[in-house]
Amino acid sequence: MSDVKKQHYVPQFYLRSFTDDGFLYAAGRGTNGVGSAFKTRTDGVCAERYLYEIRRWVPKAEDAFVKKGAAEHTFGKIESILASKYESLLGYLDVRKFPIRDVTCEILDHLICLI
């Protein structure tokens, strides 16, 4: 498994929906609530280091995590499926025309289950 340090709690494919040029505006956390706004790429927000990793009670050798990367790898697979269904839905919304009922229901079923 790869060592992915920065793990997103909001998928980047979803964040990209709010960009025009690959960047979005975000607000940092300040001591009194919302801090200053800044422009960033999607990989710069909604992520934490090793968010999905499970730490060992007692580290083994140099590995402090249980099956490092397993959760991130699985979430990546799920997000790939979700991303394609989400892109399909956005495409239909853009042209304001949905496919036949069965196909539309299938897309929505996948999105609901995956979310």
Protein backbone atom coordinates (compact mmCIF):
# COMPACT_ATOMS: atom_id res chain seq x y z
CA MET A 1 0.00 0.00 0.00
CA SER A 2 1.21 3.48 -0.76
CA ASP A 3 1.98 5.93 2.02
CA VAL A 4 -0.67 8.63 1.58
CA LYS A 5 -0.15 11.15 4.36
CA LYS A 6 -2.77 13.71 3.36
CA GLN A 7 -6.15 11.96 3.41
CA HIS A 8 -9.30 13.89 2.43
CA TYR A 9 -12.58 13.82 4.35
CA VAL A 10 -14.26 15.58 1.40
CA PRO A 11 -13.28 13.86 -1.87
CA GLN A 12 -11.31 16.02 -4.30
CA PHE A 13 -13.59 15.13 -7.24
CA TYR A 14 -16.43 16.76 -5.29
CA LEU A 15 -14.37 19.82 -4.33
CA ARG A 16 -13.45 20.31 -8.01
CA SER A 17 -17.14 20.93 -8.69
CA PHE A 18 -16.73 24.28 -6.94
CA THR A 19 -13.78 25.47 -9.05
CA ASP A 20 -13.49 27.11 -12.44
CA ASP A 21 -9.73 27.23 -12.81
CA GLY A 22 -8.71 24.38 -10.51
CA PHE A 23 -8.70 26.65 -7.47
CA LEU A 24 -11.28 27.45 -4.83
CA TYR A 25 -11.55 29.90 -1.99
CA ALA A 26 -11.54 28.60 1.54
CA ALA A 27 -11.50 30.14 5.00
CA GLY A 28 -9.05 29.06 7.63
CA ARG A 29 -9.90 28.47 11.26
CA GLY A 30 -9.03 31.36 13.49
CA THR A 31 -8.85 31.56 17.25
CA ASN A 32 -12.24 33.33 17.29
CA GLY A 33 -13.93 31.23 14.62
CA VAL A 34 -13.47 31.83 10.91
CA GLY A 35 -10.05 33.10 9.91
CA SER A 36 -8.89 34.73 6.71
CA ALA A 37 -9.91 33.49 3.24
CA PHE A 38 -7.33 32.05 0.86
CA LYS A 39 -7.16 30.61 -2.65
CA THR A 40 -6.01 27.00 -2.90
CA ARG A 41 -6.08 23.87 -5.03
CA THR A 42 -8.42 21.07 -3.98
CA ASP A 43 -5.56 19.07 -2.46
CA GLY A 44 -4.96 21.89 0.04
CA VAL A 45 -8.26 21.70 1.93
CA CYS A 46 -10.54 19.21 3.71
CA ALA A 47 -7.70 16.83 4.55
CA GLU A 48 -5.69 15.69 7.54
CA ARG A 49 -2.51 13.70 7.93
CA TYR A 50 -3.20 9.96 8.25
CA LEU A 51 -6.92 10.58 8.88
CA TYR A 52 -8.02 7.01 8.13
CA GLU A 53 -5.12 5.15 9.70
CA ILE A 54 -5.53 3.01 12.80
CA ARG A 55 -2.63 3.41 15.21
CA ARG A 56 -1.18 0.38 16.97
CA TRP A 57 -1.32 0.29 20.75
CA VAL A 58 2.31 -0.75 20.73
CA PRO A 59 4.24 0.17 17.55
CA LYS A 60 5.92 -2.75 15.75
CA ALA A 61 9.43 -1.92 14.62
CA GLU A 62 8.99 1.31 12.64
CA ASP A 63 5.32 0.81 11.79
CA ALA A 64 2.96 2.75 14.06
CA PHE A 65 -0.15 1.84 12.04
CA VAL A 66 -2.23 -1.30 11.51
CA LYS A 67 -2.24 -2.21 7.80
CA LYS A 68 -1.09 1.23 6.74
CA GLY A 69 -2.94 2.52 3.69
CA ALA A 70 -5.70 -0.13 3.72
CA ALA A 71 -8.57 2.24 4.49
CA GLU A 72 -7.27 4.95 2.13
CA HIS A 73 -6.92 2.36 -0.65
CA THR A 74 -10.49 1.11 -0.13
CA PHE A 75 -11.92 4.64 0.03
CA GLY A 76 -10.04 5.42 -3.19
CA LYS A 77 -11.80 2.55 -4.97
CA ILE A 78 -15.20 3.68 -3.68
CA GLU A 79 -14.50 7.30 -4.66
CA SER A 80 -13.60 6.20 -8.21
CA ILE A 81 -17.04 4.65 -8.62
CA LEU A 82 -18.75 7.58 -6.92
CA ALA A 83 -16.85 10.10 -9.06
CA SER A 84 -17.97 8.55 -12.35
CA LYS A 85 -21.62 8.42 -11.24
CA TYR A 86 -21.40 11.99 -9.95
CA GLU A 87 -19.90 13.18 -13.26
CA SER A 88 -22.73 11.44 -15.14
CA LEU A 89 -25.32 13.14 -13.00
CA LEU A 90 -23.69 16.56 -13.47
CA GLY A 91 -23.59 16.00 -17.23
CA TYR A 92 -27.31 15.27 -17.33
CA LEU A 93 -28.04 18.29 -15.14
CA ASP A 94 -25.95 20.52 -17.44
CA VAL A 95 -28.00 19.59 -20.52
CA ARG A 96 -31.23 19.43 -18.46
CA LYS A 97 -32.13 16.07 -19.89
CA PHE A 98 -32.01 12.76 -18.09
CA PRO A 99 -31.74 9.34 -19.73
CA ILE A 100 -34.51 6.78 -19.49
CA ARG A 101 -35.94 6.24 -16.03
CA ASP A 102 -34.05 2.97 -15.37
CA VAL A 103 -30.65 4.54 -16.10
CA THR A 104 -31.45 7.62 -13.99
CA CYS A 105 -32.59 5.41 -11.09
CA GLU A 106 -29.42 3.32 -11.37
CA ILE A 107 -27.19 6.41 -11.16
CA LEU A 108 -29.13 7.75 -8.18
CA ASP A 109 -29.12 4.32 -6.47
CA HIS A 110 -25.32 4.12 -6.81
CA LEU A 111 -24.85 7.64 -5.47
CA ILE A 112 -27.14 7.04 -2.51
CA CYS A 113 -25.46 3.73 -1.61
CA LEU A 114 -21.95 5.09 -1.98
CA ILE A 115 -22.60 8.26 0.00
